[in-house]
Amino acid sequence: MQFTAQQIAAFVSGEIIGQADVTINDVSPIEQGRPNTLSYVTDQRFLPALAGTEASVVLLTRDLYDASLSTKATLILVPNARQAIGLLLQGVAEFLRPRKKGVEQPSFIAEGVSVPDDAYVGAFAYIGKGVQIGQGVQIYPQAYIGDYTRIGDNTVIYSGVKIYDHCTVGKDCIIHSGCVIGADGFGFEPDAEGVNHKIPQIGSVTIEDDVEIGANTTIDRAMMGETRVKKNAKIDNLVQVAHNVQVGESTFLCAQSGIAGSTTVGKHCILAGQAGIANRVTIADNVVLGAKAGAVGSIRQAGQYQGMPAIDAMAWKRASIVFKSLPELQRQINQLTKDK
């Protein structure tokens, strides 16, 4: 594929600064830009790399543009360069990985289950009884869809995904390999002798529309009722969502974060890597939990939080400075005590 800067600018509604007829046939990061490739800059930290990049065309967030910028590249000014590159890459991805149709063999589809003409079921997939498959659904090889599960239109389920019985996945979702949806929640009760007894988990999981779930993430079914991930939430690889959890709209759960049972996370939140939330906790909308932060109690106000237990991020930064000084402070106190 080959495109001119003029064609790209038209596609993203951008303004060209430089040669409109320069061509690109690939993409590259700004620091590793190569001739005839497209790159982007959306953060002031990467402006120095613009001067030395070999990329032929660069999408640049308009607010960062200055007429004094030095670069050999043709610039295309857009409101948000990262958003624009995402739009372009979406088109490339659809070209490189077109949607498939039909049912490959061998695969198992229970009697009475209807597969739409524009849907795809890959080899060795298992589709249980009572399953509902929407228009344009893509179920890749070796996926398992349990009985009475519903899959909404245009959802993509990659190889090796396991969705247990009686779960619901909405429209336009992407579920990556190794993801398990609907396994039993971690529910046990010890008896008088300390022997743990399983509490049956008879609830379900509901994934709303436009949710993406990363590889090897697990979302447990509820003990009663449902575990729910609301629309436009984005979940990274290796995330644990426990039974009866509610994840709010447009919330990000980053790699190795975990949410314990019966917790509610608001909308537009971010759990950074390895952040954790205790059980039966409520997290307000627009909360950011930094990496390795631990919320052991409810957070009622929007803001950034850090540490264990999680506190206001700025307070945690000040406390961490004191923490690093504790050995010296202890030495001084010991010396003062000794001098007395």
C-alpha atoms as a PDB file:
ATOM      1  CA  MET A   1       0.000   0.000   0.000  1.00  0.00           C
ATOM      2  CA  GLN A   2       1.205   3.482  -0.815  1.00  0.00           C
ATOM      3  CA  PHE A   3      -0.379   6.810   0.079  1.00  0.00           C
ATOM      4  CA  THR A   4       0.508  10.454  -0.399  1.00  0.00           C
ATOM      5  CA  ALA A   5       0.492  13.019   2.370  1.00  0.00           C
ATOM      6  CA  GLN A   6      -2.426  14.656   0.548  1.00  0.00           C
ATOM      7  CA  GLN A   7      -4.487  11.441   0.724  1.00  0.00           C
ATOM      8  CA  ILE A   8      -3.711  10.968   4.417  1.00  0.00           C
ATOM      9  CA  ALA A   9      -4.568  14.580   5.217  1.00  0.00           C
ATOM     10  CA  ALA A  10      -7.905  14.224   3.437  1.00  0.00           C
ATOM     11  CA  PHE A  11      -8.699  11.045   5.380  1.00  0.00           C
ATOM     12  CA  VAL A  12      -7.999  12.624   8.797  1.00  0.00           C
ATOM     13  CA  SER A  13      -9.134  16.164   7.887  1.00  0.00           C
ATOM     14  CA  GLY A  14      -5.656  17.545   8.572  1.00  0.00           C
ATOM     15  CA  GLU A  15      -3.639  20.545   7.366  1.00  0.00           C
ATOM     16  CA  ILE A  16      -0.422  19.872   5.420  1.00  0.00           C
ATOM     17  CA  ILE A  17       2.807  21.710   6.221  1.00  0.00           C
ATOM     18  CA  GLY A  18       5.343  20.645   3.587  1.00  0.00           C
ATOM     19  CA  GLN A  19       5.223  18.499   0.453  1.00  0.00           C
ATOM     20  CA  ALA A  20       1.740  17.168  -0.291  1.00  0.00           C
ATOM     21  CA  ASP A  21       2.959  14.617  -2.841  1.00  0.00           C
ATOM     22  CA  VAL A  22       5.457  12.777  -0.592  1.00  0.00           C
ATOM     23  CA  THR A  23       4.527   9.091  -0.301  1.00  0.00           C
ATOM     24  CA  ILE A  24       4.540   6.562   2.558  1.00  0.00           C
ATOM     25  CA  ASN A  25       4.133   2.780   2.537  1.00  0.00           C
ATOM     26  CA  ASP A  26       4.588   1.915   6.222  1.00  0.00           C
ATOM     27  CA  VAL A  27       4.479   3.337   9.743  1.00  0.00           C
ATOM     28  CA  SER A  28       7.238   3.800  12.337  1.00  0.00           C
ATOM     29  CA  PRO A  29       7.769   5.323  15.811  1.00  0.00           C
ATOM     30  CA  ILE A  30       9.015   8.908  15.720  1.00  0.00           C
ATOM     31  CA  GLU A  31      12.372   8.003  17.356  1.00  0.00           C
ATOM     32  CA  GLN A  32      12.951   5.211  14.825  1.00  0.00           C
ATOM     33  CA  GLY A  33      11.415   6.930  11.819  1.00  0.00           C
ATOM     34  CA  ARG A  34      12.431   5.574   8.438  1.00  0.00           C
ATOM     35  CA  PRO A  35      12.080   7.115   4.977  1.00  0.00           C
ATOM     36  CA  ASN A  36       8.677   6.591   3.341  1.00  0.00           C
ATOM     37  CA  THR A  37       6.971   5.901   6.665  1.00  0.00           C
ATOM     38  CA  LEU A  38       4.303   7.715   8.658  1.00  0.00           C
ATOM     39  CA  SER A  39       4.793   8.618  12.317  1.00  0.00           C
ATOM     40  CA  TYR A  40       3.038  10.855  14.854  1.00  0.00           C
ATOM     41  CA  VAL A  41       3.736  13.207  17.776  1.00  0.00           C
ATOM     42  CA  THR A  42       1.085  13.964  20.356  1.00  0.00           C
ATOM     43  CA  ASP A  43       3.232  14.888  23.372  1.00  0.00           C
ATOM     44  CA  GLN A  44       5.711  17.739  23.847  1.00  0.00           C
ATOM     45  CA  ARG A  45       8.319  15.276  25.153  1.00  0.00           C
ATOM     46  CA  PHE A  46       8.733  13.849  21.654  1.00  0.00           C
ATOM     47  CA  LEU A  47       9.192  17.165  19.843  1.00  0.00           C
ATOM     48  CA  PRO A  48      13.023  16.912  19.991  1.00  0.00           C
ATOM     49  CA  ALA A  49      12.804  13.632  18.051  1.00  0.00           C
ATOM     50  CA  LEU A  50      10.957  15.465  15.288  1.00  0.00           C
ATOM     51  CA  ALA A  51      14.122  17.307  14.249  1.00  0.00           C
ATOM     52  CA  GLY A  52      16.100  14.146  13.573  1.00  0.00           C
ATOM     53  CA  THR A  53      13.430  11.725  12.397  1.00  0.00           C
ATOM     54  CA  GLU A  54      13.736  10.141   8.966  1.00  0.00           C
ATOM     55  CA  ALA A  55       9.963   9.586   8.757  1.00  0.00           C
ATOM     56  CA  SER A  56       8.581  11.183   5.612  1.00  0.00           C
ATOM     57  CA  VAL A  57       5.216  12.230   7.071  1.00  0.00           C
ATOM     58  CA  VAL A  58       4.364  13.032  10.693  1.00  0.00           C
ATOM     59  CA  LEU A  59       0.927  13.563  12.184  1.00  0.00           C
ATOM     60  CA  LEU A  60       1.296  16.358  14.734  1.00  0.00           C
ATOM     61  CA  THR A  61      -1.204  17.522  17.347  1.00  0.00           C
ATOM     62  CA  ARG A  62      -2.030  21.056  16.268  1.00  0.00           C
ATOM     63  CA  ASP A  63      -1.424  22.647  19.693  1.00  0.00           C
ATOM     64  CA  LEU A  64       2.232  21.525  19.512  1.00  0.00           C
ATOM     65  CA  TYR A  65       2.939  23.194  16.174  1.00  0.00           C
ATOM     66  CA  ASP A  66       5.320  26.121  16.021  1.00  0.00           C
ATOM     67  CA  ALA A  67       6.547  27.692  12.787  1.00  0.00           C
ATOM     68  CA  SER A  68      10.095  27.470  14.142  1.00  0.00           C
ATOM     69  CA  LEU A  69      10.010  23.655  14.367  1.00  0.00           C
ATOM     70  CA  SER A  70      12.888  22.092  12.463  1.00  0.00           C
ATOM     71  CA  THR A  71      12.123  18.888  10.567  1.00  0.00           C
ATOM     72  CA  LYS A  72      12.588  17.316   7.152  1.00  0.00           C
ATOM     73  CA  ALA A  73       9.216  15.576   7.423  1.00  0.00           C
ATOM     74  CA  THR A  74       5.955  16.763   5.928  1.00  0.00           C
ATOM     75  CA  LEU A  75       3.641  17.596   8.823  1.00  0.00           C
ATOM     76  CA  ILE A  76      -0.091  16.985   8.956  1.00  0.00           C
ATOM     77  CA  LEU A  77      -1.715  19.036  11.717  1.00  0.00           C
ATOM     78  CA  VAL A  78      -4.714  17.433  13.439  1.00  0.00           C
ATOM     79  CA  PRO A  79      -6.539  18.084  16.736  1.00  0.00           C
ATOM     80  CA  ASN A  80      -5.235  14.820  18.244  1.00  0.00           C
ATOM     81  CA  ALA A  81      -2.413  12.955  16.488  1.00  0.00           C
ATOM     82  CA  ARG A  82      -2.836   9.752  18.485  1.00  0.00           C
ATOM     83  CA  GLN A  83      -6.519   9.642  17.636  1.00  0.00           C
ATOM     84  CA  ALA A  84      -5.736  10.268  13.966  1.00  0.00           C
ATOM     85  CA  ILE A  85      -3.104   7.514  13.791  1.00  0.00           C
ATOM     86  CA  GLY A  86      -5.599   5.187  15.441  1.00  0.00           C
ATOM     87  CA  LEU A  87      -8.141   5.950  12.745  1.00  0.00           C
ATOM     88  CA  LEU A  88      -5.585   5.242  10.036  1.00  0.00           C
ATOM     89  CA  LEU A  89      -4.359   2.020  11.637  1.00  0.00           C
ATOM     90  CA  GLN A  90      -7.949   0.821  11.973  1.00  0.00           C
ATOM     91  CA  GLY A  91      -8.290   1.032   8.211  1.00  0.00           C
ATOM     92  CA  VAL A  92      -4.972  -0.789   7.710  1.00  0.00           C
ATOM     93  CA  ALA A  93      -5.967  -3.509  10.174  1.00  0.00           C
ATOM     94  CA  GLU A  94      -9.240  -4.104   8.370  1.00  0.00           C
ATOM     95  CA  PHE A  95      -7.317  -4.453   5.105  1.00  0.00           C
ATOM     96  CA  LEU A  96      -4.729  -6.854   6.567  1.00  0.00           C
ATOM     97  CA  ARG A  97      -7.220  -8.876   8.626  1.00  0.00           C
ATOM     98  CA  PRO A  98     -10.534  -8.877   6.770  1.00  0.00           C
ATOM     99  CA  ARG A  99     -13.535 -10.401   8.482  1.00  0.00           C
ATOM    100  CA  LYS A 100     -14.118 -14.052   7.729  1.00  0.00           C
ATOM    101  CA  LYS A 101     -17.364 -15.845   6.917  1.00  0.00           C
ATOM    102  CA  GLY A 102     -18.601 -19.386   7.209  1.00  0.00           C
ATOM    103  CA  VAL A 103     -18.138 -22.389   9.463  1.00  0.00           C
ATOM    104  CA  GLU A 104     -14.874 -24.312   9.312  1.00  0.00           C
ATOM    105  CA  GLN A 105     -14.706 -28.021   9.969  1.00  0.00           C
ATOM    106  CA  PRO A 106     -14.190 -29.784  12.230  1.00  0.00           C
ATOM    107  CA  SER A 107     -16.163 -27.699  14.722  1.00  0.00           C
ATOM    108  CA  PHE A 108     -19.115 -28.418  16.981  1.00  0.00           C
ATOM    109  CA  ILE A 109     -22.304 -26.379  16.872  1.00  0.00           C
ATOM    110  CA  ALA A 110     -25.167 -27.655  18.991  1.00  0.00           C
ATOM    111  CA  GLU A 111     -28.405 -28.538  17.293  1.00  0.00           C
ATOM    112  CA  GLY A 112     -30.709 -25.577  16.853  1.00  0.00           C
ATOM    113  CA  VAL A 113     -27.963 -22.918  17.059  1.00  0.00           C
ATOM    114  CA  SER A 114     -28.094 -20.524  14.118  1.00  0.00           C
ATOM    115  CA  VAL A 115     -24.912 -19.012  12.677  1.00  0.00           C
ATOM    116  CA  PRO A 116     -25.626 -15.906  10.549  1.00  0.00           C
ATOM    117  CA  ASP A 117     -24.361 -15.983   6.976  1.00  0.00           C
ATOM    118  CA  ASP A 118     -21.889 -13.163   7.641  1.00  0.00           C
ATOM    119  CA  ALA A 119     -20.520 -14.711  10.858  1.00  0.00           C
ATOM    120  CA  TYR A 120     -17.467 -16.956  11.218  1.00  0.00           C
ATOM    121  CA  VAL A 121     -16.818 -20.046  13.342  1.00  0.00           C
ATOM    122  CA  GLY A 122     -13.269 -21.397  13.170  1.00  0.00           C
ATOM    123  CA  ALA A 123     -12.077 -24.998  13.234  1.00  0.00           C
ATOM    124  CA  PHE A 124     -12.313 -26.871  16.551  1.00  0.00           C
ATOM    125  CA  ALA A 125     -14.578 -24.234  18.081  1.00  0.00           C
ATOM    126  CA  TYR A 126     -17.346 -25.487  20.397  1.00  0.00           C
ATOM    127  CA  ILE A 127     -20.729 -23.764  20.433  1.00  0.00           C
ATOM    128  CA  GLY A 128     -23.076 -25.075  23.129  1.00  0.00           C
ATOM    129  CA  LYS A 129     -26.836 -25.472  23.081  1.00  0.00           C
ATOM    130  CA  GLY A 130     -29.033 -22.405  23.150  1.00  0.00           C
ATOM    131  CA  VAL A 131     -26.198 -20.070  22.149  1.00  0.00           C
ATOM    132  CA  GLN A 132     -27.227 -16.894  20.292  1.00  0.00           C
ATOM    133  CA  ILE A 133     -24.723 -15.540  17.763  1.00  0.00           C
ATOM    134  CA  GLY A 134     -25.183 -12.035  16.337  1.00  0.00           C
ATOM    135  CA  GLN A 135     -24.515 -10.724  12.855  1.00  0.00           C
ATOM    136  CA  GLY A 136     -20.867 -10.542  11.813  1.00  0.00           C
ATOM    137  CA  VAL A 137     -19.550 -12.337  14.899  1.00  0.00           C
ATOM    138  CA  GLN A 138     -16.033 -13.795  14.532  1.00  0.00           C
ATOM    139  CA  ILE A 139     -15.321 -16.896  16.631  1.00  0.00           C
ATOM    140  CA  TYR A 140     -11.775 -18.079  16.012  1.00  0.00           C
ATOM    141  CA  PRO A 141     -10.495 -21.673  16.208  1.00  0.00           C
ATOM    142  CA  GLN A 142     -10.525 -23.524  19.531  1.00  0.00           C
ATOM    143  CA  ALA A 143     -12.851 -21.076  21.248  1.00  0.00           C
ATOM    144  CA  TYR A 144     -15.459 -22.452  23.673  1.00  0.00           C
ATOM    145  CA  ILE A 145     -18.903 -20.860  24.005  1.00  0.00           C
ATOM    146  CA  GLY A 146     -20.962 -22.424  26.791  1.00  0.00           C
ATOM    147  CA  ASP A 147     -24.667 -23.208  26.772  1.00  0.00           C
ATOM    148  CA  TYR A 148     -27.180 -20.345  26.525  1.00  0.00           C
ATOM    149  CA  THR A 149     -24.520 -17.688  26.117  1.00  0.00           C
ATOM    150  CA  ARG A 150     -25.336 -14.683  23.915  1.00  0.00           C
ATOM    151  CA  ILE A 151     -22.811 -12.981  21.630  1.00  0.00           C
ATOM    152  CA  GLY A 152     -23.739  -9.568  20.180  1.00  0.00           C
ATOM    153  CA  ASP A 153     -23.233  -8.321  16.633  1.00  0.00           C
ATOM    154  CA  ASN A 154     -19.705  -7.870  15.266  1.00  0.00           C
ATOM    155  CA  THR A 155     -17.964  -9.167  18.373  1.00  0.00           C
ATOM    156  CA  VAL A 156     -14.591 -10.872  17.856  1.00  0.00           C
ATOM    157  CA  ILE A 157     -13.634 -13.851  20.016  1.00  0.00           C
ATOM    158  CA  TYR A 158     -10.066 -14.975  19.426  1.00  0.00           C
ATOM    159  CA  SER A 159      -8.597 -18.475  19.655  1.00  0.00           C
ATOM    160  CA  GLY A 160      -8.565 -20.146  23.025  1.00  0.00           C
ATOM    161  CA  VAL A 161     -11.208 -17.957  24.665  1.00  0.00           C
ATOM    162  CA  LYS A 162     -13.482 -19.792  27.111  1.00  0.00           C
ATOM    163  CA  ILE A 163     -16.920 -18.360  27.865  1.00  0.00           C
ATOM    164  CA  TYR A 164     -18.891 -20.416  30.365  1.00  0.00           C
ATOM    165  CA  ASP A 165     -22.655 -21.049  30.336  1.00  0.00           C
ATOM    166  CA  HIS A 166     -25.295 -18.318  30.647  1.00  0.00           C
ATOM    167  CA  CYS A 167     -23.015 -15.343  29.969  1.00  0.00           C
ATOM    168  CA  THR A 168     -23.763 -12.328  27.790  1.00  0.00           C
ATOM    169  CA  VAL A 169     -21.296 -10.484  25.568  1.00  0.00           C
ATOM    170  CA  GLY A 170     -22.512  -7.326  23.851  1.00  0.00           C
ATOM    171  CA  LYS A 171     -21.947  -5.842  20.415  1.00  0.00           C
ATOM    172  CA  ASP A 172     -18.587  -4.732  18.958  1.00  0.00           C
ATOM    173  CA  CYS A 173     -16.518  -6.381  21.688  1.00  0.00           C
ATOM    174  CA  ILE A 174     -13.026  -7.865  21.306  1.00  0.00           C
ATOM    175  CA  ILE A 175     -11.995 -10.771  23.524  1.00  0.00           C
ATOM    176  CA  HIS A 176      -8.382 -11.846  23.210  1.00  0.00           C
ATOM    177  CA  SER A 177      -6.833 -15.312  23.439  1.00  0.00           C
ATOM    178  CA  GLY A 178      -6.781 -17.089  26.756  1.00  0.00           C
ATOM    179  CA  CYS A 179      -9.496 -14.946  28.303  1.00  0.00           C
ATOM    180  CA  VAL A 180     -11.904 -16.819  30.612  1.00  0.00           C
ATOM    181  CA  ILE A 181     -15.335 -15.356  31.249  1.00  0.00           C
ATOM    182  CA  GLY A 182     -17.749 -16.898  33.713  1.00  0.00           C
ATOM    183  CA  ALA A 183     -15.524 -19.199  35.783  1.00  0.00           C
ATOM    184  CA  ASP A 184     -16.686 -19.656  39.378  1.00  0.00           C
ATOM    185  CA  GLY A 185     -16.110 -16.815  41.792  1.00  0.00           C
ATOM    186  CA  PHE A 186     -13.769 -17.540  44.692  1.00  0.00           C
ATOM    187  CA  GLY A 187     -16.434 -18.378  47.266  1.00  0.00           C
ATOM    188  CA  PHE A 188     -15.782 -20.708  50.227  1.00  0.00           C
ATOM    189  CA  GLU A 189     -16.917 -20.930  53.831  1.00  0.00           C
ATOM    190  CA  PRO A 190     -15.018 -22.847  56.540  1.00  0.00           C
ATOM    191  CA  ASP A 191     -16.952 -25.012  58.981  1.00  0.00           C
ATOM    192  CA  ALA A 192     -16.326 -25.341  62.720  1.00  0.00           C
ATOM    193  CA  GLU A 193     -13.351 -27.635  62.058  1.00  0.00           C
ATOM    194  CA  GLY A 194     -11.811 -25.199  59.563  1.00  0.00           C
ATOM    195  CA  VAL A 195     -12.659 -27.258  56.485  1.00  0.00           C
ATOM    196  CA  ASN A 196     -13.442 -25.029  53.494  1.00  0.00           C
ATOM    197  CA  HIS A 197     -16.716 -25.693  51.698  1.00  0.00           C
ATOM    198  CA  LYS A 198     -17.510 -24.347  48.249  1.00  0.00           C
ATOM    199  CA  ILE A 199     -20.375 -21.896  47.866  1.00  0.00           C
ATOM    200  CA  PRO A 200     -21.947 -22.573  44.443  1.00  0.00           C
ATOM    201  CA  GLN A 201     -21.604 -19.638  42.071  1.00  0.00           C
ATOM    202  CA  ILE A 202     -24.881 -19.628  40.160  1.00  0.00           C
ATOM    203  CA  GLY A 203     -24.888 -16.056  38.817  1.00  0.00           C
ATOM    204  CA  SER A 204     -23.676 -14.823  35.449  1.00  0.00           C
ATOM    205  CA  VAL A 205     -21.385 -12.369  33.673  1.00  0.00           C
ATOM    206  CA  THR A 206     -22.585  -9.544  31.434  1.00  0.00           C
ATOM    207  CA  ILE A 207     -20.171  -7.721  29.151  1.00  0.00           C
ATOM    208  CA  GLU A 208     -21.793  -4.651  27.618  1.00  0.00           C
ATOM    209  CA  ASP A 209     -21.118  -3.188  24.154  1.00  0.00           C
ATOM    210  CA  ASP A 210     -17.714  -1.993  22.854  1.00  0.00           C
ATOM    211  CA  VAL A 211     -15.629  -3.672  25.560  1.00  0.00           C
ATOM    212  CA  GLU A 212     -12.139  -5.022  24.875  1.00  0.00           C
ATOM    213  CA  ILE A 213     -10.685  -7.711  27.129  1.00  0.00           C
ATOM    214  CA  GLY A 214      -6.993  -8.590  26.995  1.00  0.00           C
ATOM    215  CA  ALA A 215      -5.274 -11.951  26.785  1.00  0.00           C
ATOM    216  CA  ASN A 216      -5.408 -14.247  29.824  1.00  0.00           C
ATOM    217  CA  THR A 217      -7.769 -11.973  31.738  1.00  0.00           C
ATOM    218  CA  THR A 218     -10.383 -13.636  33.944  1.00  0.00           C
ATOM    219  CA  ILE A 219     -13.847 -12.343  34.796  1.00  0.00           C
ATOM    220  CA  ASP A 220     -15.652 -14.508  37.354  1.00  0.00           C
ATOM    221  CA  ARG A 221     -19.355 -15.204  37.441  1.00  0.00           C
ATOM    222  CA  ALA A 222     -21.418 -13.901  40.344  1.00  0.00           C
ATOM    223  CA  MET A 223     -22.460 -16.006  43.307  1.00  0.00           C
ATOM    224  CA  MET A 224     -25.949 -14.578  42.746  1.00  0.00           C
ATOM    225  CA  GLY A 225     -26.957 -11.892  40.273  1.00  0.00           C
ATOM    226  CA  GLU A 226     -24.244 -10.825  37.861  1.00  0.00           C
ATOM    227  CA  THR A 227     -20.717  -9.559  37.368  1.00  0.00           C
ATOM    228  CA  ARG A 228     -20.985  -6.662  34.906  1.00  0.00           C
ATOM    229  CA  VAL A 229     -18.457  -4.805  32.739  1.00  0.00           C
ATOM    230  CA  LYS A 230     -20.137  -1.722  31.333  1.00  0.00           C
ATOM    231  CA  LYS A 231     -19.865  -0.310  27.839  1.00  0.00           C
ATOM    232  CA  ASN A 232     -16.591   0.976  26.403  1.00  0.00           C
ATOM    233  CA  ALA A 233     -14.500  -0.383  29.295  1.00  0.00           C
ATOM    234  CA  LYS A 234     -11.022  -1.495  28.226  1.00  0.00           C
ATOM    235  CA  ILE A 235      -9.289  -4.306  30.102  1.00  0.00           C
ATOM    236  CA  ASP A 236      -5.620  -5.167  29.627  1.00  0.00           C
ATOM    237  CA  ASN A 237      -3.922  -8.571  29.742  1.00  0.00           C
ATOM    238  CA  LEU A 238      -3.666 -10.569  32.986  1.00  0.00           C
ATOM    239  CA  VAL A 239      -6.413  -8.761  34.901  1.00  0.00           C
ATOM    240  CA  GLN A 240      -8.631 -10.395  37.537  1.00  0.00           C
ATOM    241  CA  VAL A 241     -12.237  -9.255  37.969  1.00  0.00           C
ATOM    242  CA  ALA A 242     -13.909 -11.171  40.785  1.00  0.00           C
ATOM    243  CA  HIS A 243     -17.510 -12.231  41.365  1.00  0.00           C
ATOM    244  CA  ASN A 244     -20.268  -9.618  41.562  1.00  0.00           C
ATOM    245  CA  VAL A 245     -17.918  -6.782  40.563  1.00  0.00           C
ATOM    246  CA  GLN A 246     -19.321  -3.836  38.605  1.00  0.00           C
ATOM    247  CA  VAL A 247     -16.865  -2.077  36.261  1.00  0.00           C
ATOM    248  CA  GLY A 248     -18.024   1.347  35.082  1.00  0.00           C
ATOM    249  CA  GLU A 249     -18.286   2.783  31.584  1.00  0.00           C
ATOM    250  CA  SER A 250     -15.079   3.744  29.762  1.00  0.00           C
ATOM    251  CA  THR A 251     -12.888   2.548  32.633  1.00  0.00           C
ATOM    252  CA  PHE A 252      -9.352   1.234  32.034  1.00  0.00           C
ATOM    253  CA  LEU A 253      -8.019  -1.784  33.947  1.00  0.00           C
ATOM    254  CA  CYS A 254      -4.294  -2.126  33.221  1.00  0.00           C
ATOM    255  CA  ALA A 255      -2.143  -5.254  33.321  1.00  0.00           C
ATOM    256  CA  GLN A 256      -2.054  -7.335  36.514  1.00  0.00           C
ATOM    257  CA  SER A 257      -4.600  -5.169  38.295  1.00  0.00           C
ATOM    258  CA  GLY A 258      -7.203  -6.970  40.357  1.00  0.00           C
ATOM    259  CA  ILE A 259     -10.633  -6.260  41.813  1.00  0.00           C
ATOM    260  CA  ALA A 260     -11.980  -8.336  44.689  1.00  0.00           C
ATOM    261  CA  GLY A 261     -15.566  -9.512  45.000  1.00  0.00           C
ATOM    262  CA  SER A 262     -18.666  -7.302  45.204  1.00  0.00           C
ATOM    263  CA  THR A 263     -16.746  -4.104  44.481  1.00  0.00           C
ATOM    264  CA  THR A 264     -18.099  -1.286  42.316  1.00  0.00           C
ATOM    265  CA  VAL A 265     -15.737   0.783  40.167  1.00  0.00           C
ATOM    266  CA  GLY A 266     -17.117   3.988  38.666  1.00  0.00           C
ATOM    267  CA  LYS A 267     -16.895   5.267  35.122  1.00  0.00           C
ATOM    268  CA  HIS A 268     -13.805   6.832  33.508  1.00  0.00           C
ATOM    269  CA  CYS A 269     -11.512   5.324  36.131  1.00  0.00           C
ATOM    270  CA  ILE A 270      -7.980   3.989  35.600  1.00  0.00           C
ATOM    271  CA  LEU A 271      -6.365   1.140  37.509  1.00  0.00           C
ATOM    272  CA  ALA A 272      -2.677   1.249  36.600  1.00  0.00           C
ATOM    273  CA  GLY A 273      -0.453  -1.837  36.553  1.00  0.00           C
ATOM    274  CA  GLN A 274      -0.747  -4.121  39.594  1.00  0.00           C
ATOM    275  CA  ALA A 275      -3.248  -1.839  41.327  1.00  0.00           C
ATOM    276  CA  GLY A 276      -5.679  -3.685  43.569  1.00  0.00           C
ATOM    277  CA  ILE A 277      -9.047  -3.059  45.187  1.00  0.00           C
ATOM    278  CA  ALA A 278     -10.346  -4.906  48.239  1.00  0.00           C
ATOM    279  CA  ASN A 279     -13.752  -6.581  48.394  1.00  0.00           C
ATOM    280  CA  ARG A 280     -17.022  -4.697  48.945  1.00  0.00           C
ATOM    281  CA  VAL A 281     -15.443  -1.337  48.131  1.00  0.00           C
ATOM    282  CA  THR A 282     -16.939   1.527  46.113  1.00  0.00           C
ATOM    283  CA  ILE A 283     -14.725   3.612  43.836  1.00  0.00           C
ATOM    284  CA  ALA A 284     -16.108   6.942  42.591  1.00  0.00           C
ATOM    285  CA  ASP A 285     -16.102   8.083  38.967  1.00  0.00           C
ATOM    286  CA  ASN A 286     -12.868   9.562  37.541  1.00  0.00           C
ATOM    287  CA  VAL A 287     -10.516   7.933  40.044  1.00  0.00           C
ATOM    288  CA  VAL A 288      -6.953   7.020  39.029  1.00  0.00           C
ATOM    289  CA  LEU A 289      -5.186   4.361  41.087  1.00  0.00           C
ATOM    290  CA  GLY A 290      -1.463   4.490  40.360  1.00  0.00           C
ATOM    291  CA  ALA A 291       0.761   1.462  39.817  1.00  0.00           C
ATOM    292  CA  LYS A 292       0.756  -0.980  42.765  1.00  0.00           C
ATOM    293  CA  ALA A 293      -1.761   1.160  44.658  1.00  0.00           C
ATOM    294  CA  GLY A 294      -4.086  -0.694  47.012  1.00  0.00           C
ATOM    295  CA  ALA A 295      -7.577   0.604  47.779  1.00  0.00           C
ATOM    296  CA  VAL A 296      -8.587  -1.143  51.008  1.00  0.00           C
ATOM    297  CA  GLY A 297     -11.563   1.126  51.590  1.00  0.00           C
ATOM    298  CA  SER A 298     -14.022   3.104  49.492  1.00  0.00           C
ATOM    299  CA  ILE A 299     -12.838   6.171  47.560  1.00  0.00           C
ATOM    300  CA  ARG A 300     -15.656   8.688  47.357  1.00  0.00           C
ATOM    301  CA  GLN A 301     -13.980  11.558  45.473  1.00  0.00           C
ATOM    302  CA  ALA A 302     -12.465  11.790  41.997  1.00  0.00           C
ATOM    303  CA  GLY A 303      -8.704  12.217  41.892  1.00  0.00           C
ATOM    304  CA  GLN A 304      -5.362  10.456  41.734  1.00  0.00           C
ATOM    305  CA  TYR A 305      -4.390   8.004  44.456  1.00  0.00           C
ATOM    306  CA  GLN A 306      -1.194   6.112  45.177  1.00  0.00           C
ATOM    307  CA  GLY A 307       0.345   3.814  47.800  1.00  0.00           C
ATOM    308  CA  MET A 308      -0.848   1.076  50.116  1.00  0.00           C
ATOM    309  CA  PRO A 309      -3.317   1.905  51.522  1.00  0.00           C
ATOM    310  CA  ALA A 310      -4.104   4.287  48.655  1.00  0.00           C
ATOM    311  CA  ILE A 311      -4.058   7.982  49.602  1.00  0.00           C
ATOM    312  CA  ASP A 312      -4.016  11.236  47.642  1.00  0.00           C
ATOM    313  CA  ALA A 313      -1.164  10.938  45.129  1.00  0.00           C
ATOM    314  CA  MET A 314       0.502  14.214  46.105  1.00  0.00           C
ATOM    315  CA  ALA A 315       0.361  13.297  49.808  1.00  0.00           C
ATOM    316  CA  TRP A 316       1.891   9.926  48.948  1.00  0.00           C
ATOM    317  CA  LYS A 317       4.736  11.585  47.036  1.00  0.00           C
ATOM    318  CA  ARG A 318       5.512  13.827  50.005  1.00  0.00           C
ATOM    319  CA  ALA A 319       5.362  10.834  52.344  1.00  0.00           C
ATOM    320  CA  SER A 320       7.689   8.810  50.115  1.00  0.00           C
ATOM    321  CA  ILE A 321      10.316  11.545  50.394  1.00  0.00           C
ATOM    322  CA  VAL A 322      10.093  11.321  54.179  1.00  0.00           C
ATOM    323  CA  PHE A 323      10.219   7.528  54.010  1.00  0.00           C
ATOM    324  CA  LYS A 324      13.557   7.629  52.155  1.00  0.00           C
ATOM    325  CA  SER A 325      14.914   9.897  54.915  1.00  0.00           C
ATOM    326  CA  LEU A 326      13.820   7.722  57.848  1.00  0.00           C
ATOM    327  CA  PRO A 327      17.191   5.972  58.410  1.00  0.00           C
ATOM    328  CA  GLU A 328      18.972   9.322  58.645  1.00  0.00           C
ATOM    329  CA  LEU A 329      16.223  10.744  60.873  1.00  0.00           C
ATOM    330  CA  GLN A 330      16.512   7.702  63.131  1.00  0.00           C
ATOM    331  CA  ARG A 331      20.282   8.157  63.314  1.00  0.00           C
ATOM    332  CA  GLN A 332      19.838  11.795  64.304  1.00  0.00           C
ATOM    333  CA  ILE A 333      17.263  10.923  66.951  1.00  0.00           C
ATOM    334  CA  ASN A 334      19.518   8.204  68.374  1.00  0.00           C
ATOM    335  CA  GLN A 335      22.409  10.682  68.487  1.00  0.00           C
ATOM    336  CA  LEU A 336      20.277  13.281  70.254  1.00  0.00           C
ATOM    337  CA  THR A 337      19.110  10.691  72.770  1.00  0.00           C
ATOM    338  CA  LYS A 338      22.677   9.520  73.327  1.00  0.00           C
ATOM    339  CA  ASP A 339      23.890  13.115  73.839  1.00  0.00           C
ATOM    340  CA  LYS A 340      21.341  13.624  76.629  1.00  0.00           C
END
